[in-house]
C-alpha atoms as a PDB file:
ATOM      1  CA  MET A   1     121.310  86.925 105.824  1.00  0.00           C
ATOM      2  CA  LYS A   2     123.954  85.641 108.172  1.00  0.00           C
ATOM      3  CA  THR A   3     123.727  84.107 111.637  1.00  0.00           C
ATOM      4  CA  ALA A   4     125.706  82.315 114.331  1.00  0.00           C
ATOM      5  CA  VAL A   5     122.702  81.444 116.480  1.00  0.00           C
ATOM      6  CA  PRO A   6     121.106  78.395 115.713  1.00  0.00           C
ATOM      7  CA  SER A   7     117.967  78.627 117.562  1.00  0.00           C
ATOM      8  CA  ALA A   8     114.374  79.718 116.141  1.00  0.00           C
ATOM      9  CA  TYR A   9     114.108  82.573 118.368  1.00  0.00           C
ATOM     10  CA  GLY A  10     117.592  83.928 117.484  1.00  0.00           C
ATOM     11  CA  LEU A  11     116.591  83.770 113.735  1.00  0.00           C
ATOM     12  CA  LEU A  12     113.408  85.505 114.589  1.00  0.00           C
ATOM     13  CA  ARG A  13     114.948  88.404 116.555  1.00  0.00           C
ATOM     14  CA  GLU A  14     117.834  88.774 113.440  1.00  0.00           C
ATOM     15  CA  LEU A  15     115.029  88.759 111.011  1.00  0.00           C
ATOM     16  CA  SER A  16     113.061  91.353 112.490  1.00  0.00           C
ATOM     17  CA  ARG A  17     115.934  93.371 112.639  1.00  0.00           C
ATOM     18  CA  ALA A  18     116.780  92.829 108.924  1.00  0.00           C
ATOM     19  CA  PHE A  19     113.498  93.866 107.938  1.00  0.00           C
ATOM     20  CA  ARG A  20     113.082  97.034 110.058  1.00  0.00           C
ATOM     21  CA  GLY A  21     116.418  98.355 108.502  1.00  0.00           C
ATOM     22  CA  GLU A  22     114.697  97.603 104.755  1.00  0.00           C
ATOM     23  CA  GLY A  23     111.519  99.353 105.510  1.00  0.00           C
ATOM     24  CA  ILE A  24     109.675  96.253 105.495  1.00  0.00           C
ATOM     25  CA  GLU A  25     105.977  96.846 107.009  1.00  0.00           C
ATOM     26  CA  GLU A  26     105.219  94.871 110.238  1.00  0.00           C
ATOM     27  CA  PRO A  27     108.704  93.547 110.130  1.00  0.00           C
ATOM     28  CA  GLU A  28     107.968  91.170 113.303  1.00  0.00           C
ATOM     29  CA  ARG A  29     105.014  89.729 111.937  1.00  0.00           C
ATOM     30  CA  GLU A  30     106.701  88.970 108.662  1.00  0.00           C
ATOM     31  CA  ALA A  31     109.671  87.566 110.407  1.00  0.00           C
ATOM     32  CA  GLU A  32     107.591  85.477 112.504  1.00  0.00           C
ATOM     33  CA  ILE A  33     106.021  83.814 109.264  1.00  0.00           C
ATOM     34  CA  LEU A  34     108.761  83.212 107.301  1.00  0.00           C
ATOM     35  CA  VAL A  35     110.796  81.547 110.153  1.00  0.00           C
ATOM     36  CA  CYS A  36     107.483  79.259 111.443  1.00  0.00           C
ATOM     37  CA  HIS A  37     107.292  78.385 107.513  1.00  0.00           C
ATOM     38  CA  ALA A  38     111.029  77.534 106.882  1.00  0.00           C
ATOM     39  CA  LEU A  39     111.277  75.638 109.810  1.00  0.00           C
ATOM     40  CA  GLY A  40     107.810  74.139 109.610  1.00  0.00           C
ATOM     41  CA  ILE A  41     106.886  74.949 113.030  1.00  0.00           C
ATOM     42  CA  SER A  42     104.299  76.363 114.648  1.00  0.00           C
ATOM     43  CA  ARG A  43     104.176  80.128 116.259  1.00  0.00           C
ATOM     44  CA  THR A  44     103.990  78.343 119.793  1.00  0.00           C
ATOM     45  CA  GLU A  45     107.050  75.782 118.765  1.00  0.00           C
ATOM     46  CA  LEU A  46     108.682  79.377 117.627  1.00  0.00           C
ATOM     47  CA  TYR A  47     108.343  81.240 120.908  1.00  0.00           C
ATOM     48  CA  MET A  48     109.304  78.032 122.854  1.00  0.00           C
ATOM     49  CA  ASP A  49     112.532  78.065 121.114  1.00  0.00           C
ATOM     50  CA  ALA A  50     113.188  74.394 121.370  1.00  0.00           C
ATOM     51  CA  CYS A  51     113.045  73.300 117.695  1.00  0.00           C
ATOM     52  CA  HIS A  52     116.654  72.394 116.285  1.00  0.00           C
ATOM     53  CA  VAL A  53     117.461  74.326 113.200  1.00  0.00           C
ATOM     54  CA  ASP A  54     119.703  72.509 110.707  1.00  0.00           C
ATOM     55  CA  GLU A  55     121.586  73.855 107.815  1.00  0.00           C
ATOM     56  CA  ARG A  56     118.727  73.135 105.471  1.00  0.00           C
ATOM     57  CA  ALA A  57     116.517  75.210 107.022  1.00  0.00           C
ATOM     58  CA  LEU A  58     118.791  78.000 107.311  1.00  0.00           C
ATOM     59  CA  ARG A  59     119.227  77.946 103.545  1.00  0.00           C
ATOM     60  CA  VAL A  60     115.531  78.006 102.830  1.00  0.00           C
ATOM     61  CA  LEU A  61     115.263  80.929 105.392  1.00  0.00           C
ATOM     62  CA  ASP A  62     117.729  82.741 103.466  1.00  0.00           C
ATOM     63  CA  SER A  63     116.420  82.027 100.346  1.00  0.00           C
ATOM     64  CA  LEU A  64     113.259  83.586 101.742  1.00  0.00           C
ATOM     65  CA  PHE A  65     114.563  86.515 103.266  1.00  0.00           C
ATOM     66  CA  ARG A  66     116.479  87.720 100.142  1.00  0.00           C
ATOM     67  CA  ARG A  67     113.109  87.424  97.813  1.00  0.00           C
ATOM     68  CA  ARG A  68     111.052  89.316 100.415  1.00  0.00           C
ATOM     69  CA  LEU A  69     113.779  92.079 100.575  1.00  0.00           C
ATOM     70  CA  ARG A  70     113.135  92.174  96.486  1.00  0.00           C
ATOM     71  CA  ARG A  71     109.449  92.734  97.669  1.00  0.00           C
ATOM     72  CA  GLU A  72     108.103  89.800  96.502  1.00  0.00           C
ATOM     73  CA  PRO A  73     104.785  89.338  98.514  1.00  0.00           C
ATOM     74  CA  ILE A  74     104.914  87.104 101.817  1.00  0.00           C
ATOM     75  CA  GLU A  75     101.915  85.115 100.328  1.00  0.00           C
ATOM     76  CA  TYR A  76     104.046  84.207  97.351  1.00  0.00           C
ATOM     77  CA  LEU A  77     106.697  83.151  99.531  1.00  0.00           C
ATOM     78  CA  THR A  78     104.530  81.358 101.900  1.00  0.00           C
ATOM     79  CA  GLY A  79     102.317  80.091  98.983  1.00  0.00           C
ATOM     80  CA  CYS A  80      99.174  80.864 100.703  1.00  0.00           C
ATOM     81  CA  ALA A  81      97.018  83.422 102.053  1.00  0.00           C
ATOM     82  CA  GLU A  82      94.278  83.529 104.840  1.00  0.00           C
ATOM     83  CA  PHE A  83      90.452  84.801 103.773  1.00  0.00           C
ATOM     84  CA  TYR A  84      87.409  84.545 105.678  1.00  0.00           C
ATOM     85  CA  GLY A  85      88.796  82.181 108.086  1.00  0.00           C
ATOM     86  CA  MET A  86      90.035  80.086 105.134  1.00  0.00           C
ATOM     87  CA  ARG A  87      93.211  79.133 103.949  1.00  0.00           C
ATOM     88  CA  PHE A  88      93.856  79.452  99.983  1.00  0.00           C
ATOM     89  CA  ARG A  89      97.218  78.268  98.149  1.00  0.00           C
ATOM     90  CA  VAL A  90      98.516  81.340  95.887  1.00  0.00           C
ATOM     91  CA  GLY A  91     101.581  82.354  93.911  1.00  0.00           C
ATOM     92  CA  PRO A  92     102.376  83.800  90.334  1.00  0.00           C
ATOM     93  CA  GLY A  93      99.897  84.567  88.128  1.00  0.00           C
ATOM     94  CA  VAL A  94      96.809  85.156  90.528  1.00  0.00           C
ATOM     95  CA  LEU A  95      95.925  87.937  92.729  1.00  0.00           C
ATOM     96  CA  ILE A  96      96.455  87.679  96.483  1.00  0.00           C
ATOM     97  CA  PRO A  97      93.057  87.773  98.470  1.00  0.00           C
ATOM     98  CA  ARG A  98      92.403  91.114  99.830  1.00  0.00           C
ATOM     99  CA  PRO A  99      90.725  91.582 103.547  1.00  0.00           C
ATOM    100  CA  GLU A 100      88.225  94.247 102.165  1.00  0.00           C
ATOM    101  CA  THR A 101      86.959  91.320  99.907  1.00  0.00           C
ATOM    102  CA  GLU A 102      85.631  89.738 102.703  1.00  0.00           C
ATOM    103  CA  MET A 103      82.665  92.139 102.777  1.00  0.00           C
ATOM    104  CA  LEU A 104      81.613  90.900  99.594  1.00  0.00           C
ATOM    105  CA  VAL A 105      81.457  87.105 100.727  1.00  0.00           C
ATOM    106  CA  GLU A 106      79.592  88.460 104.126  1.00  0.00           C
ATOM    107  CA  GLU A 107      77.197  90.348 102.009  1.00  0.00           C
ATOM    108  CA  ALA A 108      76.418  87.347  99.471  1.00  0.00           C
ATOM    109  CA  VAL A 109      76.126  85.168 102.600  1.00  0.00           C
ATOM    110  CA  ARG A 110      73.422  87.336 103.952  1.00  0.00           C
ATOM    111  CA  ILE A 111      71.382  87.699 100.859  1.00  0.00           C
ATOM    112  CA  LEU A 112      71.732  84.205  99.915  1.00  0.00           C
ATOM    113  CA  ASN A 113      70.882  82.904 103.598  1.00  0.00           C
ATOM    114  CA  ALA A 114      67.589  85.385 103.555  1.00  0.00           C
ATOM    115  CA  ARG A 115      66.229  83.760 100.537  1.00  0.00           C
ATOM    116  CA  LYS A 116      63.235  80.992 100.629  1.00  0.00           C
ATOM    117  CA  SER A 117      64.496  78.636  97.925  1.00  0.00           C
ATOM    118  CA  ALA A 118      65.606  75.432  98.815  1.00  0.00           C
ATOM    119  CA  ALA A 119      68.599  75.879  95.800  1.00  0.00           C
ATOM    120  CA  VAL A 120      70.506  78.936  94.874  1.00  0.00           C
ATOM    121  CA  ASP A 121      72.463  79.608  91.736  1.00  0.00           C
ATOM    122  CA  VAL A 122      75.327  81.633  92.157  1.00  0.00           C
ATOM    123  CA  LEU A 123      77.946  83.034  89.670  1.00  0.00           C
ATOM    124  CA  ASP A 124      81.602  84.621  90.514  1.00  0.00           C
ATOM    125  CA  ILE A 125      83.061  86.641  87.728  1.00  0.00           C
ATOM    126  CA  CYS A 126      86.726  87.134  87.654  1.00  0.00           C
ATOM    127  CA  THR A 127      87.273  84.284  90.446  1.00  0.00           C
ATOM    128  CA  GLY A 128      90.999  84.581  90.658  1.00  0.00           C
ATOM    129  CA  SER A 129      92.098  82.188  93.656  1.00  0.00           C
ATOM    130  CA  GLY A 130      88.837  81.297  93.829  1.00  0.00           C
ATOM    131  CA  CYS A 131      88.375  82.910  97.181  1.00  0.00           C
ATOM    132  CA  ILE A 132      85.125  84.651  96.771  1.00  0.00           C
ATOM    133  CA  ALA A 133      83.464  81.438  95.099  1.00  0.00           C
ATOM    134  CA  ALA A 134      84.862  78.791  97.474  1.00  0.00           C
ATOM    135  CA  ALA A 135      83.895  80.807 100.606  1.00  0.00           C
ATOM    136  CA  ILE A 136      80.150  81.367  99.513  1.00  0.00           C
ATOM    137  CA  ALA A 137      80.376  77.506  98.629  1.00  0.00           C
ATOM    138  CA  ALA A 138      81.434  76.494 101.874  1.00  0.00           C
ATOM    139  CA  GLU A 139      78.986  78.687 103.740  1.00  0.00           C
ATOM    140  CA  VAL A 140      75.926  78.177 102.089  1.00  0.00           C
ATOM    141  CA  PRO A 141      75.738  74.220 101.061  1.00  0.00           C
ATOM    142  CA  SER A 142      72.392  74.712  98.849  1.00  0.00           C
ATOM    143  CA  ALA A 143      74.233  77.052  96.721  1.00  0.00           C
ATOM    144  CA  ARG A 144      75.123  76.288  93.456  1.00  0.00           C
ATOM    145  CA  VAL A 145      78.261  78.210  92.492  1.00  0.00           C
ATOM    146  CA  VAL A 146      79.867  78.394  89.079  1.00  0.00           C
ATOM    147  CA  ALA A 147      83.090  80.952  88.728  1.00  0.00           C
ATOM    148  CA  THR A 148      84.636  81.979  85.800  1.00  0.00           C
ATOM    149  CA  ASP A 149      88.244  83.455  85.036  1.00  0.00           C
ATOM    150  CA  ILE A 150      90.288  84.090  81.886  1.00  0.00           C
ATOM    151  CA  SER A 151      93.310  83.071  83.291  1.00  0.00           C
ATOM    152  CA  ALA A 152      94.143  79.425  83.159  1.00  0.00           C
ATOM    153  CA  ALA A 153      96.719  79.801  86.240  1.00  0.00           C
ATOM    154  CA  ALA A 154      93.973  80.991  88.469  1.00  0.00           C
ATOM    155  CA  ILE A 155      91.547  78.666  87.497  1.00  0.00           C
ATOM    156  CA  GLY A 156      94.110  76.121  88.410  1.00  0.00           C
ATOM    157  CA  TYR A 157      94.576  77.578  91.509  1.00  0.00           C
ATOM    158  CA  ALA A 158      90.972  77.956  92.257  1.00  0.00           C
ATOM    159  CA  VAL A 159      90.130  74.610  91.553  1.00  0.00           C
ATOM    160  CA  GLU A 160      92.588  73.421  94.311  1.00  0.00           C
ATOM    161  CA  ASN A 161      91.382  75.801  96.597  1.00  0.00           C
ATOM    162  CA  ALA A 162      87.974  74.879  96.429  1.00  0.00           C
ATOM    163  CA  ARG A 163      89.125  71.194  97.125  1.00  0.00           C
ATOM    164  CA  LEU A 164      91.662  72.482 100.216  1.00  0.00           C
ATOM    165  CA  ASN A 165      88.291  74.084 101.517  1.00  0.00           C
ATOM    166  CA  SER A 166      85.968  71.376 101.147  1.00  0.00           C
ATOM    167  CA  ALA A 167      83.874  73.743  98.755  1.00  0.00           C
ATOM    168  CA  GLY A 168      82.213  70.660  96.567  1.00  0.00           C
ATOM    169  CA  ASN A 169      79.308  72.789  95.270  1.00  0.00           C
ATOM    170  CA  VAL A 170      81.583  74.902  93.265  1.00  0.00           C
ATOM    171  CA  VAL A 171      82.497  74.705  89.511  1.00  0.00           C
ATOM    172  CA  PHE A 172      85.245  76.748  87.717  1.00  0.00           C
ATOM    173  CA  VAL A 173      85.497  77.044  84.414  1.00  0.00           C
ATOM    174  CA  GLN A 174      87.901  79.199  82.275  1.00  0.00           C
ATOM    175  CA  GLY A 175      86.312  82.235  80.127  1.00  0.00           C
ATOM    176  CA  ASP A 176      86.045  85.774  79.467  1.00  0.00           C
ATOM    177  CA  LEU A 177      83.325  86.904  82.440  1.00  0.00           C
ATOM    178  CA  PHE A 178      80.040  85.906  81.001  1.00  0.00           C
ATOM    179  CA  ASP A 179      80.779  83.579  77.997  1.00  0.00           C
ATOM    180  CA  PRO A 180      81.391  80.022  79.888  1.00  0.00           C
ATOM    181  CA  VAL A 181      78.105  80.403  81.189  1.00  0.00           C
ATOM    182  CA  GLY A 182      75.973  80.721  77.670  1.00  0.00           C
ATOM    183  CA  GLY A 183      72.611  81.665  78.377  1.00  0.00           C
ATOM    184  CA  ARG A 184      72.214  80.504  82.257  1.00  0.00           C
ATOM    185  CA  ASP A 185      70.770  83.003  84.536  1.00  0.00           C
ATOM    186  CA  PHE A 186      71.363  83.398  88.343  1.00  0.00           C
ATOM    187  CA  HIS A 187      70.070  84.214  91.568  1.00  0.00           C
ATOM    188  CA  LEU A 188      73.018  86.300  92.653  1.00  0.00           C
ATOM    189  CA  ILE A 189      76.167  87.810  90.652  1.00  0.00           C
ATOM    190  CA  VAL A 190      79.257  88.439  92.570  1.00  0.00           C
ATOM    191  CA  SER A 191      82.507  90.109  90.996  1.00  0.00           C
ATOM    192  CA  ASN A 192      85.979  91.944  92.184  1.00  0.00           C
ATOM    193  CA  PRO A 193      87.362  93.110  88.954  1.00  0.00           C
ATOM    194  CA  PRO A 194      90.194  94.114  87.997  1.00  0.00           C
ATOM    195  CA  TYR A 195      89.478  98.159  88.698  1.00  0.00           C
ATOM    196  CA  VAL A 196      92.812 100.128  88.989  1.00  0.00           C
ATOM    197  CA  LYS A 197      93.202 102.787  86.020  1.00  0.00           C
ATOM    198  CA  SER A 198      96.189 101.729  83.953  1.00  0.00           C
ATOM    199  CA  GLY A 199      97.986 104.781  84.772  1.00  0.00           C
ATOM    200  CA  ASP A 200      98.102 104.016  88.300  1.00  0.00           C
ATOM    201  CA  LEU A 201      99.787 100.710  88.062  1.00  0.00           C
ATOM    202  CA  ALA A 202     103.091 101.389  88.134  1.00  0.00           C
ATOM    203  CA  GLY A 203     102.446 103.288  91.064  1.00  0.00           C
ATOM    204  CA  LEU A 204     101.100 100.694  93.440  1.00  0.00           C
ATOM    205  CA  GLN A 205     103.416  98.776  96.085  1.00  0.00           C
ATOM    206  CA  ARG A 206     106.228  96.773  94.737  1.00  0.00           C
ATOM    207  CA  GLU A 207     104.807  93.828  95.958  1.00  0.00           C
ATOM    208  CA  VAL A 208     101.856  94.524  93.668  1.00  0.00           C
ATOM    209  CA  SER A 209     103.170  96.130  90.502  1.00  0.00           C
ATOM    210  CA  GLY A 210     106.144  94.108  90.458  1.00  0.00           C
ATOM    211  CA  TYR A 211     104.840  90.463  91.146  1.00  0.00           C
ATOM    212  CA  GLU A 212     100.714  90.008  91.118  1.00  0.00           C
ATOM    213  CA  PRO A 213      99.299  89.777  87.627  1.00  0.00           C
ATOM    214  CA  ARG A 214      98.495  92.833  85.588  1.00  0.00           C
ATOM    215  CA  GLU A 215      95.664  91.041  84.146  1.00  0.00           C
ATOM    216  CA  ALA A 216      94.087  90.933  87.512  1.00  0.00           C
ATOM    217  CA  LEU A 217      94.341  94.506  88.110  1.00  0.00           C
ATOM    218  CA  ASP A 218      94.255  96.544  85.101  1.00  0.00           C
ATOM    219  CA  GLY A 219      90.667  98.225  84.663  1.00  0.00           C
ATOM    220  CA  GLY A 220      91.586  99.997  81.513  1.00  0.00           C
ATOM    221  CA  GLU A 221      92.042 103.911  81.408  1.00  0.00           C
ATOM    222  CA  ASP A 222      89.461 104.951  83.733  1.00  0.00           C
ATOM    223  CA  GLY A 223      89.411 101.856  85.902  1.00  0.00           C
ATOM    224  CA  LEU A 224      86.150 101.277  84.852  1.00  0.00           C
ATOM    225  CA  GLY A 225      86.296  98.953  81.561  1.00  0.00           C
ATOM    226  CA  PHE A 226      85.220  95.762  83.244  1.00  0.00           C
ATOM    227  CA  TYR A 227      82.242  97.682  85.373  1.00  0.00           C
ATOM    228  CA  ARG A 228      80.950  98.768  82.187  1.00  0.00           C
ATOM    229  CA  ARG A 229      81.219  95.064  80.369  1.00  0.00           C
ATOM    230  CA  ILE A 230      79.686  93.032  83.610  1.00  0.00           C
ATOM    231  CA  LEU A 231      76.795  95.468  84.017  1.00  0.00           C
ATOM    232  CA  GLU A 232      75.907  95.699  80.103  1.00  0.00           C
ATOM    233  CA  GLU A 233      75.755  91.778  80.468  1.00  0.00           C
ATOM    234  CA  ALA A 234      74.565  91.080  83.795  1.00  0.00           C
ATOM    235  CA  PRO A 235      70.701  91.889  83.017  1.00  0.00           C
ATOM    236  CA  GLN A 236      70.925  88.935  80.780  1.00  0.00           C
ATOM    237  CA  HIS A 237      72.108  86.606  83.388  1.00  0.00           C
ATOM    238  CA  LEU A 238      69.802  87.876  86.577  1.00  0.00           C
ATOM    239  CA  ARG A 239      66.692  86.033  87.389  1.00  0.00           C
ATOM    240  CA  GLU A 240      64.003  88.400  87.771  1.00  0.00           C
ATOM    241  CA  ASP A 241      64.517  88.369  91.812  1.00  0.00           C
ATOM    242  CA  GLY A 242      68.295  88.485  91.227  1.00  0.00           C
ATOM    243  CA  VAL A 243      71.113  90.560  92.759  1.00  0.00           C
ATOM    244  CA  LEU A 244      74.576  92.025  91.358  1.00  0.00           C
ATOM    245  CA  LEU A 245      77.181  92.623  94.069  1.00  0.00           C
ATOM    246  CA  LEU A 246      80.512  94.765  92.814  1.00  0.00           C
ATOM    247  CA  GLU A 247      83.558  95.235  94.832  1.00  0.00           C
ATOM    248  CA  LEU A 248      84.444  98.736  93.888  1.00  0.00           C
ATOM    249  CA  GLY A 249      87.645 100.639  93.992  1.00  0.00           C
ATOM    250  CA  ALA A 250      88.056 104.066  95.919  1.00  0.00           C
ATOM    251  CA  GLY A 251      86.092 106.806  94.536  1.00  0.00           C
ATOM    252  CA  GLN A 252      84.710 104.861  92.178  1.00  0.00           C
ATOM    253  CA  CYS A 253      80.792 104.422  93.422  1.00  0.00           C
ATOM    254  CA  GLY A 254      79.116 107.208  91.339  1.00  0.00           C
ATOM    255  CA  ALA A 255      80.608 106.456  88.317  1.00  0.00           C
ATOM    256  CA  VAL A 256      79.642 102.847  88.418  1.00  0.00           C
ATOM    257  CA  ALA A 257      76.074 103.474  89.831  1.00  0.00           C
ATOM    258  CA  GLU A 258      75.701 105.574  86.743  1.00  0.00           C
ATOM    259  CA  ILE A 259      77.123 102.861  84.243  1.00  0.00           C
ATOM    260  CA  ALA A 260      74.312 100.820  86.180  1.00  0.00           C
ATOM    261  CA  SER A 261      71.408 103.011  85.725  1.00  0.00           C
ATOM    262  CA  GLU A 262      72.128 103.069  81.791  1.00  0.00           C
ATOM    263  CA  CYS A 263      72.105  99.557  81.737  1.00  0.00           C
ATOM    264  CA  GLY A 264      68.750  99.283  83.553  1.00  0.00           C
ATOM    265  CA  LEU A 265      69.922  98.248  86.937  1.00  0.00           C
ATOM    266  CA  ARG A 266      69.612 100.012  90.313  1.00  0.00           C
ATOM    267  CA  VAL A 267      71.685 100.836  93.144  1.00  0.00           C
ATOM    268  CA  ALA A 268      69.831  98.969  96.505  1.00  0.00           C
ATOM    269  CA  ARG A 269      72.493  99.823  98.681  1.00  0.00           C
ATOM    270  CA  VAL A 270      76.511 100.278  99.371  1.00  0.00           C
ATOM    271  CA  LEU A 271      78.468  99.305 102.124  1.00  0.00           C
ATOM    272  CA  LYS A 272      81.809 100.931 103.302  1.00  0.00           C
ATOM    273  CA  ASP A 273      84.877  99.341 104.579  1.00  0.00           C
ATOM    274  CA  LEU A 274      86.549 100.248 107.886  1.00  0.00           C
ATOM    275  CA  ALA A 275      88.197 102.963 106.500  1.00  0.00           C
ATOM    276  CA  GLY A 276      85.117 104.781 105.157  1.00  0.00           C
ATOM    277  CA  ILE A 277      85.466 103.934 101.549  1.00  0.00           C
ATOM    278  CA  GLU A 278      82.169 102.801  99.429  1.00  0.00           C
ATOM    279  CA  ARG A 279      83.458  98.921  98.954  1.00  0.00           C
ATOM    280  CA  VAL A 280      80.557  97.014  98.147  1.00  0.00           C
ATOM    281  CA  MET A 281      77.665  97.736  95.822  1.00  0.00           C
ATOM    282  CA  VAL A 282      74.502  95.782  95.779  1.00  0.00           C
ATOM    283  CA  LEU A 283      72.439  96.068  92.497  1.00  0.00           C
ATOM    284  CA  GLU A 284      69.018  95.046  91.581  1.00  0.00           C
ATOM    285  CA  GLY A 285      67.257  94.674  88.211  1.00  0.00           C
ATOM    286  CA  PRO A 286      64.242  95.777  86.549  1.00  0.00           C
ATOM    287  CA  ALA A 287      62.034  93.074  88.129  1.00  0.00           C
ATOM    288  CA  VAL A 288      62.919  93.846  91.732  1.00  0.00           C
ATOM    289  CA  GLN A 289      62.880  97.179  91.139  1.00  0.00           C
ATOM    290  CA  GLY A 290      58.997  96.814  89.629  1.00  0.00           C
ATOM    291  CA  ARG A 291      57.814  95.064  93.129  1.00  0.00           C
ATOM    292  CA  ALA A 292      59.636  97.570  95.472  1.00  0.00           C
END
């Protein structure tokens, strides 16, 4: 990127044109984010066009621009992502939080707030950046949240994100699915597991397939590998009135419901996202079914 205009707004216009020419989605929004990040200014300051642009800022912006043209996710460039009204640190080695996952948190908070008990135990499996666990912990201070992930890098981000969002009632433990919690049981278990079919990974957006960790995406040959493992083990870790929440990939609802039934769990309801995709499955254990 080359520019002879030492003004923030001039940089914004130039970057927007360049991004548009390269086929970047939402070129104006992304240019705005990168200019503000590189110059350390707010959106208001950007449009006031009153800040000085020095050589160091230009070099930083040029580097970010080139990395974005290689389709590195903008969240990795800025080091943060917004989720559920909170900000989370992200970078190589951790999945970027998706807006549709907020549905999982909303349902979890609704279920927990409806309970009569003073304290509730919550388990988040495949926590990644910790966005689900930290959001639940922040929204429900009485919750005692445990979150697991097999990735050391993800756990590192999760711990920092809980600290940044003042979520002191969550503990992160590295390990495979339920392994770190031993024989403990929980009122609520939530998970957004890897659910992309192995054969579909190469066809994902370059921002995803080229940068985000494969282990956070790859759900095996049919995309259902993690669902099978979670549903098989969940009954051993759910309390009598416990609930399991799962995020689903498009078109997976029927298959996941069938696996759940084989494991003794009942689908209480399924929530659709704004695109009409069956996105969140609410499951109950045998004890809850017996009282229905």
